[in-house]
PDB file of N, CA and C in Angstrom:
ATOM      1  N   UNK A   1     114.021 104.600 110.820  1.00  0.00           N
ATOM      2  CA  UNK A   1     112.822 103.789 110.643  1.00  0.00           C
ATOM      3  C   UNK A   1     112.113 103.649 111.990  1.00  0.00           C
ATOM      4  N   UNK A   2     110.800 103.760 111.961  1.00  0.00           N
ATOM      5  CA  UNK A   2     110.014 103.697 113.187  1.00  0.00           C
ATOM      6  C   UNK A   2     109.565 102.275 113.503  1.00  0.00           C
ATOM      7  N   UNK A   3     109.368 102.057 114.771  1.00  0.00           N
ATOM      8  CA  UNK A   3     108.812 100.786 115.223  1.00  0.00           C
ATOM      9  C   UNK A   3     107.297 100.811 115.017  1.00  0.00           C
ATOM     10  N   UNK A   4     106.762  99.696 114.522  1.00  0.00           N
ATOM     11  CA  UNK A   4     105.320  99.520 114.389  1.00  0.00           C
ATOM     12  C   UNK A   4     104.847  98.658 115.550  1.00  0.00           C
ATOM     13  N   UNK A   5     103.833  99.118 116.272  1.00  0.00           N
ATOM     14  CA  UNK A   5     103.264  98.349 117.369  1.00  0.00           C
ATOM     15  C   UNK A   5     101.827  97.979 117.000  1.00  0.00           C
ATOM     16  N   UNK A   6     101.543  96.692 116.939  1.00  0.00           N
ATOM     17  CA  UNK A   6     100.227  96.226 116.529  1.00  0.00           C
ATOM     18  C   UNK A   6      99.148  96.852 117.405  1.00  0.00           C
ATOM     19  N   UNK A   7      98.035  97.254 116.766  1.00  0.00           N
ATOM     20  CA  UNK A   7      96.914  97.819 117.496  1.00  0.00           C
ATOM     21  C   UNK A   7      95.628  97.022 117.291  1.00  0.00           C
ATOM     22  N   UNK A   8      95.214  96.803 116.036  1.00  0.00           N
ATOM     23  CA  UNK A   8      93.986  96.057 115.779  1.00  0.00           C
ATOM     24  C   UNK A   8      93.907  95.612 114.321  1.00  0.00           C
ATOM     25  N   UNK A   9      92.934  94.755 114.066  1.00  0.00           N
ATOM     26  CA  UNK A   9      92.553  94.370 112.709  1.00  0.00           C
ATOM     27  C   UNK A   9      91.156  94.944 112.488  1.00  0.00           C
ATOM     28  N   UNK A  10      90.952  95.606 111.361  1.00  0.00           N
ATOM     29  CA  UNK A  10      89.649  96.167 111.021  1.00  0.00           C
ATOM     30  C   UNK A  10      89.042  95.399 109.854  1.00  0.00           C
ATOM     31  N   UNK A  11      87.797  94.984 110.001  1.00  0.00           N
ATOM     32  CA  UNK A  11      87.139  94.178 108.969  1.00  0.00           C
ATOM     33  C   UNK A  11      85.822  94.843 108.571  1.00  0.00           C
ATOM     34  N   UNK A  12      85.732  95.344 107.339  1.00  0.00           N
ATOM     35  CA  UNK A  12      84.468  95.910 106.870  1.00  0.00           C
ATOM     36  C   UNK A  12      83.436  94.803 106.668  1.00  0.00           C
ATOM     37  N   UNK A  13      82.188  95.132 106.936  1.00  0.00           N
ATOM     38  CA  UNK A  13      81.105  94.178 106.739  1.00  0.00           C
ATOM     39  C   UNK A  13      79.854  94.935 106.324  1.00  0.00           C
ATOM     40  N   UNK A  14      78.970  94.240 105.641  1.00  0.00           N
ATOM     41  CA  UNK A  14      77.656  94.810 105.333  1.00  0.00           C
ATOM     42  C   UNK A  14      76.629  94.325 106.356  1.00  0.00           C
ATOM     43  N   UNK A  15      77.074  93.455 107.263  1.00  0.00           N
ATOM     44  CA  UNK A  15      76.210  92.942 108.335  1.00  0.00           C
ATOM     45  C   UNK A  15      75.743  94.092 109.230  1.00  0.00           C
ATOM     46  N   UNK A  16      74.512  94.028 109.672  1.00  0.00           N
ATOM     47  CA  UNK A  16      73.990  95.038 110.610  1.00  0.00           C
ATOM     48  C   UNK A  16      74.704  94.853 111.949  1.00  0.00           C
ATOM     49  N   UNK A  17      75.261  95.936 112.457  1.00  0.00           N
ATOM     50  CA  UNK A  17      75.993  95.915 113.717  1.00  0.00           C
ATOM     51  C   UNK A  17      75.180  96.660 114.782  1.00  0.00           C
ATOM     52  N   UNK A  18      75.510  96.475 116.063  1.00  0.00           N
ATOM     53  CA  UNK A  18      74.729  97.088 117.145  1.00  0.00           C
ATOM     54  C   UNK A  18      74.617  98.611 117.022  1.00  0.00           C
ATOM     55  N   UNK A  19      73.390  99.099 117.086  1.00  0.00           N
ATOM     56  CA  UNK A  19      73.133 100.548 117.010  1.00  0.00           C
ATOM     57  C   UNK A  19      73.902 101.311 118.088  1.00  0.00           C
ATOM     58  N   UNK A  20      74.086 100.696 119.235  1.00  0.00           N
ATOM     59  CA  UNK A  20      74.783 101.358 120.342  1.00  0.00           C
ATOM     60  C   UNK A  20      76.228 101.697 119.984  1.00  0.00           C
ATOM     61  N   UNK A  21      76.780 101.010 118.988  1.00  0.00           N
ATOM     62  CA  UNK A  21      78.165 101.236 118.578  1.00  0.00           C
ATOM     63  C   UNK A  21      78.283 102.198 117.399  1.00  0.00           C
ATOM     64  N   UNK A  22      77.168 102.799 117.003  1.00  0.00           N
ATOM     65  CA  UNK A  22      77.193 103.726 115.862  1.00  0.00           C
ATOM     66  C   UNK A  22      77.777 105.066 116.279  1.00  0.00           C
ATOM     67  N   UNK A  23      78.581 105.654 115.396  1.00  0.00           N
ATOM     68  CA  UNK A  23      79.177 106.958 115.629  1.00  0.00           C
ATOM     69  C   UNK A  23      78.650 107.902 114.547  1.00  0.00           C
ATOM     70  N   UNK A  24      77.741 108.809 114.931  1.00  0.00           N
ATOM     71  CA  UNK A  24      77.143 109.736 113.967  1.00  0.00           C
ATOM     72  C   UNK A  24      78.184 110.634 113.316  1.00  0.00           C
ATOM     73  N   UNK A  25      79.142 111.112 114.107  1.00  0.00           N
ATOM     74  CA  UNK A  25      80.173 112.020 113.589  1.00  0.00           C
ATOM     75  C   UNK A  25      81.011 111.328 112.504  1.00  0.00           C
ATOM     76  N   UNK A  26      81.397 110.076 112.758  1.00  0.00           N
ATOM     77  CA  UNK A  26      82.247 109.355 111.807  1.00  0.00           C
ATOM     78  C   UNK A  26      81.448 108.642 110.719  1.00  0.00           C
ATOM     79  N   UNK A  27      80.124 108.584 110.893  1.00  0.00           N
ATOM     80  CA  UNK A  27      79.230 107.939 109.925  1.00  0.00           C
ATOM     81  C   UNK A  27      79.591 106.473 109.713  1.00  0.00           C
ATOM     82  N   UNK A  28      79.752 105.766 110.852  1.00  0.00           N
ATOM     83  CA  UNK A  28      80.048 104.346 110.797  1.00  0.00           C
ATOM     84  C   UNK A  28      79.691 103.686 112.109  1.00  0.00           C
ATOM     85  N   UNK A  29      79.566 102.379 112.040  1.00  0.00           N
ATOM     86  CA  UNK A  29      79.398 101.567 113.238  1.00  0.00           C
ATOM     87  C   UNK A  29      80.635 100.688 113.349  1.00  0.00           C
ATOM     88  N   UNK A  30      81.258 100.701 114.504  1.00  0.00           N
ATOM     89  CA  UNK A  30      82.435  99.869 114.743  1.00  0.00           C
ATOM     90  C   UNK A  30      82.212  99.115 116.044  1.00  0.00           C
ATOM     91  N   UNK A  31      82.419  97.815 115.997  1.00  0.00           N
ATOM     92  CA  UNK A  31      82.147  96.989 117.172  1.00  0.00           C
ATOM     93  C   UNK A  31      83.162  95.862 117.272  1.00  0.00           C
ATOM     94  N   UNK A  32      83.265  95.293 118.453  1.00  0.00           N
ATOM     95  CA  UNK A  32      84.120  94.132 118.654  1.00  0.00           C
ATOM     96  C   UNK A  32      85.448  94.426 119.303  1.00  0.00           C
ATOM     97  N   UNK A  33      85.956  95.633 119.120  1.00  0.00           N
ATOM     98  CA  UNK A  33      87.283  95.957 119.641  1.00  0.00           C
ATOM     99  C   UNK A  33      87.359  95.767 121.151  1.00  0.00           C
ATOM    100  N   UNK A  34      86.306  96.126 121.853  1.00  0.00           N
ATOM    101  CA  UNK A  34      86.298  96.025 123.313  1.00  0.00           C
ATOM    102  C   UNK A  34      85.736  94.697 123.819  1.00  0.00           C
ATOM    103  N   UNK A  35      85.280  93.845 122.919  1.00  0.00           N
ATOM    104  CA  UNK A  35      84.583  92.622 123.316  1.00  0.00           C
ATOM    105  C   UNK A  35      85.490  91.471 123.735  1.00  0.00           C
ATOM    106  N   UNK A  36      86.764  91.599 123.554  1.00  0.00           N
ATOM    107  CA  UNK A  36      87.666  90.517 123.912  1.00  0.00           C
ATOM    108  C   UNK A  36      89.107  90.959 123.780  1.00  0.00           C
ATOM    109  N   UNK A  37      90.024  90.048 123.961  1.00  0.00           N
ATOM    110  CA  UNK A  37      91.440  90.395 123.980  1.00  0.00           C
ATOM    111  C   UNK A  37      92.092  90.482 122.600  1.00  0.00           C
ATOM    112  N   UNK A  38      91.349  90.182 121.533  1.00  0.00           N
ATOM    113  CA  UNK A  38      91.979  89.973 120.234  1.00  0.00           C
ATOM    114  C   UNK A  38      92.126  91.209 119.369  1.00  0.00           C
ATOM    115  N   UNK A  39      91.534  92.331 119.758  1.00  0.00           N
ATOM    116  CA  UNK A  39      91.655  93.596 119.028  1.00  0.00           C
ATOM    117  C   UNK A  39      91.172  93.471 117.588  1.00  0.00           C
ATOM    118  N   UNK A  40      89.991  92.878 117.427  1.00  0.00           N
ATOM    119  CA  UNK A  40      89.362  92.762 116.111  1.00  0.00           C
ATOM    120  C   UNK A  40      88.160  93.702 116.104  1.00  0.00           C
ATOM    121  N   UNK A  41      88.120  94.557 115.089  1.00  0.00           N
ATOM    122  CA  UNK A  41      87.065  95.556 114.976  1.00  0.00           C
ATOM    123  C   UNK A  41      86.279  95.312 113.687  1.00  0.00           C
ATOM    124  N   UNK A  42      84.968  95.155 113.817  1.00  0.00           N
ATOM    125  CA  UNK A  42      84.073  95.014 112.669  1.00  0.00           C
ATOM    126  C   UNK A  42      83.482  96.380 112.377  1.00  0.00           C
ATOM    127  N   UNK A  43      83.412  96.741 111.094  1.00  0.00           N
ATOM    128  CA  UNK A  43      82.954  98.081 110.719  1.00  0.00           C
ATOM    129  C   UNK A  43      81.894  98.004 109.631  1.00  0.00           C
ATOM    130  N   UNK A  44      80.860  98.828 109.799  1.00  0.00           N
ATOM    131  CA  UNK A  44      79.818  98.981 108.800  1.00  0.00           C
ATOM    132  C   UNK A  44      79.669 100.481 108.578  1.00  0.00           C
ATOM    133  N   UNK A  45      79.747 100.904 107.328  1.00  0.00           N
ATOM    134  CA  UNK A  45      79.782 102.329 107.000  1.00  0.00           C
ATOM    135  C   UNK A  45      78.422 102.828 106.534  1.00  0.00           C
ATOM    136  N   UNK A  46      78.041 104.016 107.004  1.00  0.00           N
ATOM    137  CA  UNK A  46      76.812 104.656 106.538  1.00  0.00           C
ATOM    138  C   UNK A  46      76.909 104.905 105.033  1.00  0.00           C
ATOM    139  N   UNK A  47      75.777 104.967 104.361  1.00  0.00           N
ATOM    140  CA  UNK A  47      75.758 105.200 102.917  1.00  0.00           C
ATOM    141  C   UNK A  47      76.446 106.506 102.534  1.00  0.00           C
ATOM    142  N   UNK A  48      76.368 107.506 103.396  1.00  0.00           N
ATOM    143  CA  UNK A  48      76.971 108.807 103.080  1.00  0.00           C
ATOM    144  C   UNK A  48      78.356 108.991 103.724  1.00  0.00           C
ATOM    145  N   UNK A  49      78.984 107.900 104.126  1.00  0.00           N
ATOM    146  CA  UNK A  49      80.333 107.975 104.699  1.00  0.00           C
ATOM    147  C   UNK A  49      81.305 108.411 103.603  1.00  0.00           C
ATOM    148  N   UNK A  50      82.118 109.452 103.866  1.00  0.00           N
ATOM    149  CA  UNK A  50      82.994 110.003 102.831  1.00  0.00           C
ATOM    150  C   UNK A  50      84.355 109.311 102.671  1.00  0.00           C
ATOM    151  N   UNK A  51      84.639 108.289 103.464  1.00  0.00           N
ATOM    152  CA  UNK A  51      85.940 107.630 103.359  1.00  0.00           C
ATOM    153  C   UNK A  51      86.121 106.993 101.980  1.00  0.00           C
ATOM    154  N   UNK A  52      87.367 106.845 101.526  1.00  0.00           N
ATOM    155  CA  UNK A  52      87.623 106.174 100.258  1.00  0.00           C
ATOM    156  C   UNK A  52      87.062 104.744 100.272  1.00  0.00           C
ATOM    157  N   UNK A  53      86.581 104.291  99.126  1.00  0.00           N
ATOM    158  CA  UNK A  53      85.982 102.956  99.019  1.00  0.00           C
ATOM    159  C   UNK A  53      86.913 101.853  99.495  1.00  0.00           C
ATOM    160  N   UNK A  54      88.211 101.991  99.261  1.00  0.00           N
ATOM    161  CA  UNK A  54      89.140 100.934  99.658  1.00  0.00           C
ATOM    162  C   UNK A  54      89.093 100.712 101.171  1.00  0.00           C
ATOM    163  N   UNK A  55      88.877 101.759 101.950  1.00  0.00           N
ATOM    164  CA  UNK A  55      88.787 101.618 103.403  1.00  0.00           C
ATOM    165  C   UNK A  55      87.475 100.937 103.787  1.00  0.00           C
ATOM    166  N   UNK A  56      86.433 101.201 103.021  1.00  0.00           N
ATOM    167  CA  UNK A  56      85.113 100.647 103.333  1.00  0.00           C
ATOM    168  C   UNK A  56      84.945  99.209 102.855  1.00  0.00           C
ATOM    169  N   UNK A  57      85.894  98.713 102.056  1.00  0.00           N
ATOM    170  CA  UNK A  57      85.735  97.373 101.486  1.00  0.00           C
ATOM    171  C   UNK A  57      86.894  96.418 101.752  1.00  0.00           C
ATOM    172  N   UNK A  58      88.002  96.918 102.262  1.00  0.00           N
ATOM    173  CA  UNK A  58      89.204  96.100 102.429  1.00  0.00           C
ATOM    174  C   UNK A  58      89.577  95.982 103.901  1.00  0.00           C
ATOM    175  N   UNK A  59      89.800  94.765 104.398  1.00  0.00           N
ATOM    176  CA  UNK A  59      90.300  94.634 105.780  1.00  0.00           C
ATOM    177  C   UNK A  59      91.655  95.341 105.926  1.00  0.00           C
ATOM    178  N   UNK A  60      91.927  95.806 107.132  1.00  0.00           N
ATOM    179  CA  UNK A  60      93.203  96.474 107.373  1.00  0.00           C
ATOM    180  C   UNK A  60      93.809  96.019 108.695  1.00  0.00           C
ATOM    181  N   UNK A  61      95.099  96.255 108.817  1.00  0.00           N
ATOM    182  CA  UNK A  61      95.811  96.048 110.079  1.00  0.00           C
ATOM    183  C   UNK A  61      96.272  97.428 110.533  1.00  0.00           C
ATOM    184  N   UNK A  62      96.093  97.722 111.824  1.00  0.00           N
ATOM    185  CA  UNK A  62      96.470  99.022 112.375  1.00  0.00           C
ATOM    186  C   UNK A  62      97.685  98.873 113.284  1.00  0.00           C
ATOM    187  N   UNK A  63      98.578  99.843 113.156  1.00  0.00           N
ATOM    188  CA  UNK A  63      99.785  99.899 113.972  1.00  0.00           C
ATOM    189  C   UNK A  63      99.904 101.283 114.585  1.00  0.00           C
ATOM    190  N   UNK A  64     100.473 101.351 115.771  1.00  0.00           N
ATOM    191  CA  UNK A  64     100.782 102.620 116.427  1.00  0.00           C
ATOM    192  C   UNK A  64     102.215 102.987 116.090  1.00  0.00           C
ATOM    193  N   UNK A  65     102.417 104.252 115.773  1.00  0.00           N
ATOM    194  CA  UNK A  65     103.757 104.790 115.515  1.00  0.00           C
ATOM    195  C   UNK A  65     103.965 106.005 116.416  1.00  0.00           C
ATOM    196  N   UNK A  66     105.225 106.385 116.599  1.00  0.00           N
ATOM    197  CA  UNK A  66     105.532 107.548 117.432  1.00  0.00           C
ATOM    198  C   UNK A  66     105.345 108.861 116.691  1.00  0.00           C
ATOM    199  N   UNK A  67     105.588 108.859 115.373  1.00  0.00           N
ATOM    200  CA  UNK A  67     105.490 110.080 114.577  1.00  0.00           C
ATOM    201  C   UNK A  67     104.765 109.758 113.278  1.00  0.00           C
ATOM    202  N   UNK A  68     103.485 110.070 113.238  1.00  0.00           N
ATOM    203  CA  UNK A  68     102.655 109.724 112.089  1.00  0.00           C
ATOM    204  C   UNK A  68     103.164 110.362 110.802  1.00  0.00           C
ATOM    205  N   UNK A  69     103.533 111.624 110.854  1.00  0.00           N
ATOM    206  CA  UNK A  69     103.974 112.314 109.637  1.00  0.00           C
ATOM    207  C   UNK A  69     105.252 111.700 109.066  1.00  0.00           C
ATOM    208  N   UNK A  70     106.176 111.335 109.930  1.00  0.00           N
ATOM    209  CA  UNK A  70     107.396 110.659 109.462  1.00  0.00           C
ATOM    210  C   UNK A  70     107.063 109.301 108.855  1.00  0.00           C
ATOM    211  N   UNK A  71     106.143 108.577 109.479  1.00  0.00           N
ATOM    212  CA  UNK A  71     105.778 107.240 109.003  1.00  0.00           C
ATOM    213  C   UNK A  71     105.122 107.291 107.624  1.00  0.00           C
ATOM    214  N   UNK A  72     104.526 108.416 107.263  1.00  0.00           N
ATOM    215  CA  UNK A  72     103.834 108.540 105.974  1.00  0.00           C
ATOM    216  C   UNK A  72     104.749 108.950 104.827  1.00  0.00           C
ATOM    217  N   UNK A  73     105.935 109.431 105.138  1.00  0.00           N
ATOM    218  CA  UNK A  73     106.851 109.894 104.087  1.00  0.00           C
ATOM    219  C   UNK A  73     107.158 108.772 103.099  1.00  0.00           C
ATOM    220  N   UNK A  74     106.930 109.055 101.825  1.00  0.00           N
ATOM    221  CA  UNK A  74     107.238 108.107 100.769  1.00  0.00           C
ATOM    222  C   UNK A  74     106.228 106.976 100.614  1.00  0.00           C
ATOM    223  N   UNK A  75     105.133 107.023 101.367  1.00  0.00           N
ATOM    224  CA  UNK A  75     104.116 105.957 101.320  1.00  0.00           C
ATOM    225  C   UNK A  75     102.963 106.365 100.409  1.00  0.00           C
ATOM    226  N   UNK A  76     102.207 105.385  99.960  1.00  0.00           N
ATOM    227  CA  UNK A  76     101.007 105.611  99.167  1.00  0.00           C
ATOM    228  C   UNK A  76      99.868 105.920 100.136  1.00  0.00           C
ATOM    229  N   UNK A  77      99.639 107.191 100.404  1.00  0.00           N
ATOM    230  CA  UNK A  77      98.644 107.617 101.392  1.00  0.00           C
ATOM    231  C   UNK A  77      97.248 107.575 100.777  1.00  0.00           C
ATOM    232  N   UNK A  78      96.385 106.789 101.386  1.00  0.00           N
ATOM    233  CA  UNK A  78      94.991 106.652 100.949  1.00  0.00           C
ATOM    234  C   UNK A  78      94.112 107.653 101.690  1.00  0.00           C
ATOM    235  N   UNK A  79      94.424 107.868 102.967  1.00  0.00           N
ATOM    236  CA  UNK A  79      93.687 108.837 103.783  1.00  0.00           C
ATOM    237  C   UNK A  79      94.707 109.619 104.595  1.00  0.00           C
ATOM    238  N   UNK A  80      94.815 110.927 104.344  1.00  0.00           N
ATOM    239  CA  UNK A  80      95.783 111.719 105.101  1.00  0.00           C
ATOM    240  C   UNK A  80      95.394 111.815 106.574  1.00  0.00           C
ATOM    241  N   UNK A  81      96.309 112.276 107.416  1.00  0.00           N
ATOM    242  CA  UNK A  81      96.051 112.325 108.859  1.00  0.00           C
ATOM    243  C   UNK A  81      94.770 113.072 109.213  1.00  0.00           C
ATOM    244  N   UNK A  82      94.042 112.462 110.143  1.00  0.00           N
ATOM    245  CA  UNK A  82      92.861 113.087 110.719  1.00  0.00           C
ATOM    246  C   UNK A  82      92.683 112.542 112.127  1.00  0.00           C
ATOM    247  N   UNK A  83      91.875 113.259 112.908  1.00  0.00           N
ATOM    248  CA  UNK A  83      91.686 112.892 114.304  1.00  0.00           C
ATOM    249  C   UNK A  83      90.254 112.415 114.526  1.00  0.00           C
ATOM    250  N   UNK A  84      90.039 111.102 114.688  1.00  0.00           N
ATOM    251  CA  UNK A  84      88.694 110.599 114.933  1.00  0.00           C
ATOM    252  C   UNK A  84      88.234 110.802 116.377  1.00  0.00           C
ATOM    253  N   UNK A  85      89.189 111.069 117.263  1.00  0.00           N
ATOM    254  CA  UNK A  85      88.886 111.299 118.676  1.00  0.00           C
ATOM    255  C   UNK A  85      90.019 112.138 119.264  1.00  0.00           C
ATOM    256  N   UNK A  86      89.695 112.914 120.278  1.00  0.00           N
ATOM    257  CA  UNK A  86      90.721 113.743 120.899  1.00  0.00           C
ATOM    258  C   UNK A  86      91.870 112.872 121.408  1.00  0.00           C
ATOM    259  N   UNK A  87      93.088 113.262 121.052  1.00  0.00           N
ATOM    260  CA  UNK A  87      94.267 112.544 121.533  1.00  0.00           C
ATOM    261  C   UNK A  87      94.784 111.469 120.609  1.00  0.00           C
ATOM    262  N   UNK A  88      94.117 111.251 119.472  1.00  0.00           N
ATOM    263  CA  UNK A  88      94.574 110.221 118.536  1.00  0.00           C
ATOM    264  C   UNK A  88      94.487 110.757 117.107  1.00  0.00           C
ATOM    265  N   UNK A  89      95.513 110.417 116.323  1.00  0.00           N
ATOM    266  CA  UNK A  89      95.556 110.750 114.897  1.00  0.00           C
ATOM    267  C   UNK A  89      95.723 109.462 114.117  1.00  0.00           C
ATOM    268  N   UNK A  90      95.054 109.379 112.973  1.00  0.00           N
ATOM    269  CA  UNK A  90      95.158 108.192 112.120  1.00  0.00           C
ATOM    270  C   UNK A  90      95.400 108.607 110.680  1.00  0.00           C
ATOM    271  N   UNK A  91      95.915 107.670 109.907  1.00  0.00           N
ATOM    272  CA  UNK A  91      96.042 107.808 108.455  1.00  0.00           C
ATOM    273  C   UNK A  91      96.046 106.394 107.892  1.00  0.00           C
ATOM    274  N   UNK A  92      95.682 106.263 106.635  1.00  0.00           N
ATOM    275  CA  UNK A  92      95.712 104.965 105.963  1.00  0.00           C
ATOM    276  C   UNK A  92      96.680 105.021 104.795  1.00  0.00           C
ATOM    277  N   UNK A  93      97.433 103.939 104.636  1.00  0.00           N
ATOM    278  CA  UNK A  93      98.322 103.789 103.483  1.00  0.00           C
ATOM    279  C   UNK A  93      98.009 102.459 102.808  1.00  0.00           C
ATOM    280  N   UNK A  94      98.424 102.364 101.552  1.00  0.00           N
ATOM    281  CA  UNK A  94      98.313 101.089 100.855  1.00  0.00           C
ATOM    282  C   UNK A  94      99.715 100.686 100.436  1.00  0.00           C
ATOM    283  N   UNK A  95     100.067  99.460 100.750  1.00  0.00           N
ATOM    284  CA  UNK A  95     101.368  98.898 100.406  1.00  0.00           C
ATOM    285  C   UNK A  95     101.083  97.622  99.628  1.00  0.00           C
ATOM    286  N   UNK A  96     101.150  97.707  98.292  1.00  0.00           N
ATOM    287  CA  UNK A  96     100.720  96.571  97.480  1.00  0.00           C
ATOM    288  C   UNK A  96      99.238  96.366  97.700  1.00  0.00           C
ATOM    289  N   UNK A  97      98.850  95.151  98.022  1.00  0.00           N
ATOM    290  CA  UNK A  97      97.431  94.887  98.290  1.00  0.00           C
ATOM    291  C   UNK A  97      97.054  95.109  99.748  1.00  0.00           C
ATOM    292  N   UNK A  98      98.026  95.449 100.574  1.00  0.00           N
ATOM    293  CA  UNK A  98      97.791  95.614 102.014  1.00  0.00           C
ATOM    294  C   UNK A  98      97.331  97.018 102.366  1.00  0.00           C
ATOM    295  N   UNK A  99      96.218  97.086 103.091  1.00  0.00           N
ATOM    296  CA  UNK A  99      95.726  98.349 103.611  1.00  0.00           C
ATOM    297  C   UNK A  99      96.163  98.436 105.070  1.00  0.00           C
ATOM    298  N   UNK A 100      96.831  99.527 105.405  1.00  0.00           N
ATOM    299  CA  UNK A 100      97.413  99.699 106.733  1.00  0.00           C
ATOM    300  C   UNK A 100      96.908 101.002 107.336  1.00  0.00           C
ATOM    301  N   UNK A 101      96.465 100.933 108.573  1.00  0.00           N
ATOM    302  CA  UNK A 101      96.129 102.138 109.325  1.00  0.00           C
ATOM    303  C   UNK A 101      97.293 102.428 110.262  1.00  0.00           C
ATOM    304  N   UNK A 102      97.768 103.658 110.239  1.00  0.00           N
ATOM    305  CA  UNK A 102      98.814 104.089 111.159  1.00  0.00           C
ATOM    306  C   UNK A 102      98.181 105.040 112.159  1.00  0.00           C
ATOM    307  N   UNK A 103      98.533 104.887 113.426  1.00  0.00           N
ATOM    308  CA  UNK A 103      97.923 105.656 114.502  1.00  0.00           C
ATOM    309  C   UNK A 103      99.006 106.285 115.373  1.00  0.00           C
ATOM    310  N   UNK A 104      98.716 107.479 115.850  1.00  0.00           N
ATOM    311  CA  UNK A 104      99.598 108.138 116.811  1.00  0.00           C
ATOM    312  C   UNK A 104      98.738 108.647 117.957  1.00  0.00           C
ATOM    313  N   UNK A 105      99.118 108.315 119.181  1.00  0.00           N
ATOM    314  CA  UNK A 105      98.408 108.769 120.367  1.00  0.00           C
ATOM    315  C   UNK A 105      99.187 109.910 121.009  1.00  0.00           C
ATOM    316  N   UNK A 106      98.469 110.971 121.398  1.00  0.00           N
ATOM    317  CA  UNK A 106      99.091 112.113 122.064  1.00  0.00           C
ATOM    318  C   UNK A 106      99.238 111.895 123.564  1.00  0.00           C
ATOM    319  N   UNK A 107      98.569 110.867 124.060  1.00  0.00           N
ATOM    320  CA  UNK A 107      98.667 110.491 125.470  1.00  0.00           C
ATOM    321  C   UNK A 107      98.370 108.992 125.535  1.00  0.00           C
ATOM    322  N   UNK A 108      98.528 108.340 126.673  1.00  0.00           N
ATOM    323  CA  UNK A 108      98.303 106.897 126.728  1.00  0.00           C
ATOM    324  C   UNK A 108      96.912 106.502 126.221  1.00  0.00           C
ATOM    325  N   UNK A 109      96.869 105.451 125.415  1.00  0.00           N
ATOM    326  CA  UNK A 109      95.606 104.985 124.837  1.00  0.00           C
ATOM    327  C   UNK A 109      94.561 104.697 125.907  1.00  0.00           C
ATOM    328  N   UNK A 110      94.975 104.150 127.034  1.00  0.00           N
ATOM    329  CA  UNK A 110      94.025 103.804 128.097  1.00  0.00           C
ATOM    330  C   UNK A 110      93.256 105.022 128.601  1.00  0.00           C
ATOM    331  N   UNK A 111      93.811 106.216 128.423  1.00  0.00           N
ATOM    332  CA  UNK A 111      93.098 107.442 128.805  1.00  0.00           C
ATOM    333  C   UNK A 111      92.045 107.811 127.762  1.00  0.00           C
ATOM    334  N   UNK A 112      92.256 107.390 126.530  1.00  0.00           N
ATOM    335  CA  UNK A 112      91.355 107.733 125.426  1.00  0.00           C
ATOM    336  C   UNK A 112      90.290 106.653 125.251  1.00  0.00           C
ATOM    337  N   UNK A 113      90.762 105.412 125.122  1.00  0.00           N
ATOM    338  CA  UNK A 113      89.877 104.256 124.924  1.00  0.00           C
ATOM    339  C   UNK A 113      90.239 103.183 125.946  1.00  0.00           C
ATOM    340  N   UNK A 114      89.733 103.272 127.167  1.00  0.00           N
ATOM    341  CA  UNK A 114      90.067 102.259 128.173  1.00  0.00           C
ATOM    342  C   UNK A 114      89.683 100.857 127.695  1.00  0.00           C
ATOM    343  N   UNK A 115      90.613  99.970 127.761  1.00  0.00           N
ATOM    344  CA  UNK A 115      90.398  98.594 127.322  1.00  0.00           C
ATOM    345  C   UNK A 115      91.393  97.702 128.055  1.00  0.00           C
ATOM    346  N   UNK A 116      91.168  97.465 129.334  1.00  0.00           N
ATOM    347  CA  UNK A 116      92.153  96.762 130.165  1.00  0.00           C
ATOM    348  C   UNK A 116      92.410  95.317 129.766  1.00  0.00           C
ATOM    349  N   UNK A 117      91.478  94.681 129.036  1.00  0.00           N
ATOM    350  CA  UNK A 117      91.649  93.270 128.691  1.00  0.00           C
ATOM    351  C   UNK A 117      92.274  93.039 127.320  1.00  0.00           C
ATOM    352  N   UNK A 118      92.650  94.106 126.620  1.00  0.00           N
ATOM    353  CA  UNK A 118      93.266  93.940 125.306  1.00  0.00           C
ATOM    354  C   UNK A 118      94.513  93.080 125.435  1.00  0.00           C
ATOM    355  N   UNK A 119      94.594  92.036 124.634  1.00  0.00           N
ATOM    356  CA  UNK A 119      95.718  91.102 124.574  1.00  0.00           C
ATOM    357  C   UNK A 119      95.854  90.241 125.822  1.00  0.00           C
ATOM    358  N   UNK A 120      94.788  90.120 126.627  1.00  0.00           N
ATOM    359  CA  UNK A 120      94.842  89.275 127.828  1.00  0.00           C
ATOM    360  C   UNK A 120      93.731  88.241 127.774  1.00  0.00           C
ATOM    361  N   UNK A 121      94.107  86.972 127.845  1.00  0.00           N
ATOM    362  CA  UNK A 121      93.111  85.894 127.861  1.00  0.00           C
ATOM    363  C   UNK A 121      92.606  85.657 129.264  1.00  0.00           C
TER     364      UNK A 121
END
């Protein structure tokens, strides 16, 4: 069994979010993750975003794992592994009513998404 390390909480919203945080490739706007120590990410999805509706409408908790493929074995996979950015792989599972994002980093997260104040008041 793998250790789960908390990463963030993701909250879908229909609220207009800052244009500067929009990602054309991913067809979504995500904001808040870098704004403070709490690792809370607000997300607004473009109308043509191809992600499953459950991801676009249900809050999720994200955890980092060492081996994403092992962590998915026997789970109800909602979104199979994909790479939203170089050096990171994600997948979504559903466990009962809980939506969970599992993440694997190929190198230290600080090299991919620098965020020195995460978890620091």
